Structure formats: C-alpha cells, structure tokens
C-alpha cells in the first residue's frame, strides 16, 4: 500500500462504526478523522461534495463512492487500492 487510508467519520454514526469494524477485521490501518472534532476534516469533506459519512480515501482518491457501507467488501477495497497503485506505478 503506497498511500494512507483516511476514514472521515462522526460520533454516533452506525455506518462509520461499521466501516471501522470492517477495516479492522480486514487488517487495514487507517487514519480516522471525526468531522465533529476536526474543522479542517469537515471542511475537506464538504469541499469534496459529501453530505454524509463515512467517507473513505486512499491518498486523495475517494474509494467508497455510491456504495452502501453494508455492501462494501474487502474485495472492493482491494480493487480500488490495486488499481490506484498500478496507475501510480505506470507514471
């Protein structure tokens, strides 16, 4: 993994907790940014056009677009990461 995962969350968010549990179970390390406690994190999420959390980024690339958190799988995550890493290697 060449870039870091960043998960934007908020307090008392069932889907945020679900995404954290999935990432933990899959063995991924990630930075968690609670947008209720981090003004810069909230500004970033809003500037990217998001109105809900969780939002998962790999480096600066959003990697859970239009996917229900319940349906987000390890294979989806790995496909995004593999595709992005391959694209960076070819540059």
Protein backbone atom coordinates (compact mmCIF):
# COMPACT_ATOMS: atom_id res chain seq x y z
CA UNK A 1 0.00 0.00 0.00
CA UNK A 2 1.62 3.20 -1.16
CA UNK A 3 -0.86 5.75 0.22
CA UNK A 4 -2.64 6.05 3.52
CA UNK A 5 -6.28 5.29 4.12
CA UNK A 6 -8.26 8.07 5.76
CA UNK A 7 -11.75 7.49 7.09
CA UNK A 8 -13.90 10.54 7.73
CA UNK A 9 -16.47 9.84 10.45
CA UNK A 10 -18.61 11.42 13.12
CA UNK A 11 -19.74 10.46 16.60
CA UNK A 12 -22.76 8.14 16.97
CA UNK A 13 -22.65 7.06 13.33
CA UNK A 14 -23.64 3.42 12.90
CA UNK A 15 -22.23 3.27 9.37
CA UNK A 16 -18.96 4.85 10.48
CA UNK A 17 -18.62 2.20 13.18
CA UNK A 18 -19.46 -0.47 10.62
CA UNK A 19 -16.73 0.75 8.25
CA UNK A 20 -14.19 0.91 11.11
CA UNK A 21 -15.06 -2.65 12.10
CA UNK A 22 -14.65 -3.86 8.53
CA UNK A 23 -11.28 -2.15 8.09
CA UNK A 24 -10.10 -3.53 11.44
CA UNK A 25 -11.24 -7.06 10.59
CA UNK A 26 -9.54 -6.87 7.20
CA UNK A 27 -6.30 -5.77 8.85
CA UNK A 28 -6.08 -2.28 7.33
CA UNK A 29 -4.53 0.63 9.16
CA UNK A 30 -6.24 3.96 8.63
CA UNK A 31 -6.40 7.47 9.97
CA UNK A 32 -9.78 8.30 11.44
CA UNK A 33 -10.94 11.92 11.22
CA UNK A 34 -14.03 12.80 13.24
CA UNK A 35 -15.53 15.75 11.40
CA UNK A 36 -17.35 16.89 14.53
CA UNK A 37 -13.99 17.40 16.23
CA UNK A 38 -11.81 18.38 13.27
CA UNK A 39 -12.86 21.56 11.46
CA UNK A 40 -10.34 21.03 8.66
CA UNK A 41 -11.61 17.50 8.15
CA UNK A 42 -15.21 18.73 7.98
CA UNK A 43 -14.24 21.46 5.51
CA UNK A 44 -12.46 18.90 3.33
CA UNK A 45 -15.42 16.52 3.29
CA UNK A 46 -17.80 19.33 2.38
CA UNK A 47 -15.43 20.69 -0.28
CA UNK A 48 -15.43 17.25 -1.92
CA UNK A 49 -19.21 17.43 -2.18
CA UNK A 50 -20.03 14.89 0.53
CA UNK A 51 -23.00 15.36 2.82
CA UNK A 52 -22.70 12.10 4.75
CA UNK A 53 -20.07 9.95 6.41
CA UNK A 54 -18.29 7.61 6.39
CA UNK A 55 -16.10 8.71 3.52
CA UNK A 56 -13.02 6.62 2.79
CA UNK A 57 -10.00 7.98 0.94
CA UNK A 58 -6.82 6.37 -0.31
CA UNK A 59 -4.41 9.25 -0.57
CA UNK A 60 -6.54 11.92 -2.22
CA UNK A 61 -8.87 9.47 -4.01
CA UNK A 62 -12.36 8.73 -2.73
CA UNK A 63 -12.77 4.95 -2.65
CA UNK A 64 -16.29 4.32 -1.40
CA UNK A 65 -18.39 6.27 -3.91
CA UNK A 66 -22.00 5.21 -4.40
CA UNK A 67 -21.52 2.04 -2.35
CA UNK A 68 -23.66 1.29 0.67
CA UNK A 69 -21.40 0.67 3.68
CA UNK A 70 -23.17 -2.63 4.37
CA UNK A 71 -22.29 -3.80 0.85
CA UNK A 72 -18.67 -2.58 0.89
CA UNK A 73 -16.40 -5.61 0.80
CA UNK A 74 -12.72 -6.28 1.18
CA UNK A 75 -12.50 -7.20 -2.49
CA UNK A 76 -13.97 -3.81 -3.48
CA UNK A 77 -11.42 -2.06 -1.28
CA UNK A 78 -8.54 -4.11 -2.67
CA UNK A 79 -9.69 -3.49 -6.24
CA UNK A 80 -9.59 0.28 -5.68
CA UNK A 81 -6.20 0.13 -3.98
CA UNK A 82 -4.71 -2.20 -6.59
CA UNK A 83 -6.00 -0.08 -9.45
CA UNK A 84 -4.67 3.14 -7.90
CA UNK A 85 -1.28 1.62 -7.06
CA UNK A 86 -0.95 0.28 -10.61
CA UNK A 87 -1.81 3.66 -12.07
CA UNK A 88 0.86 5.34 -9.95
CA UNK A 89 3.48 2.74 -10.89
CA UNK A 90 2.94 3.37 -14.60
CA UNK A 91 3.60 7.10 -14.25
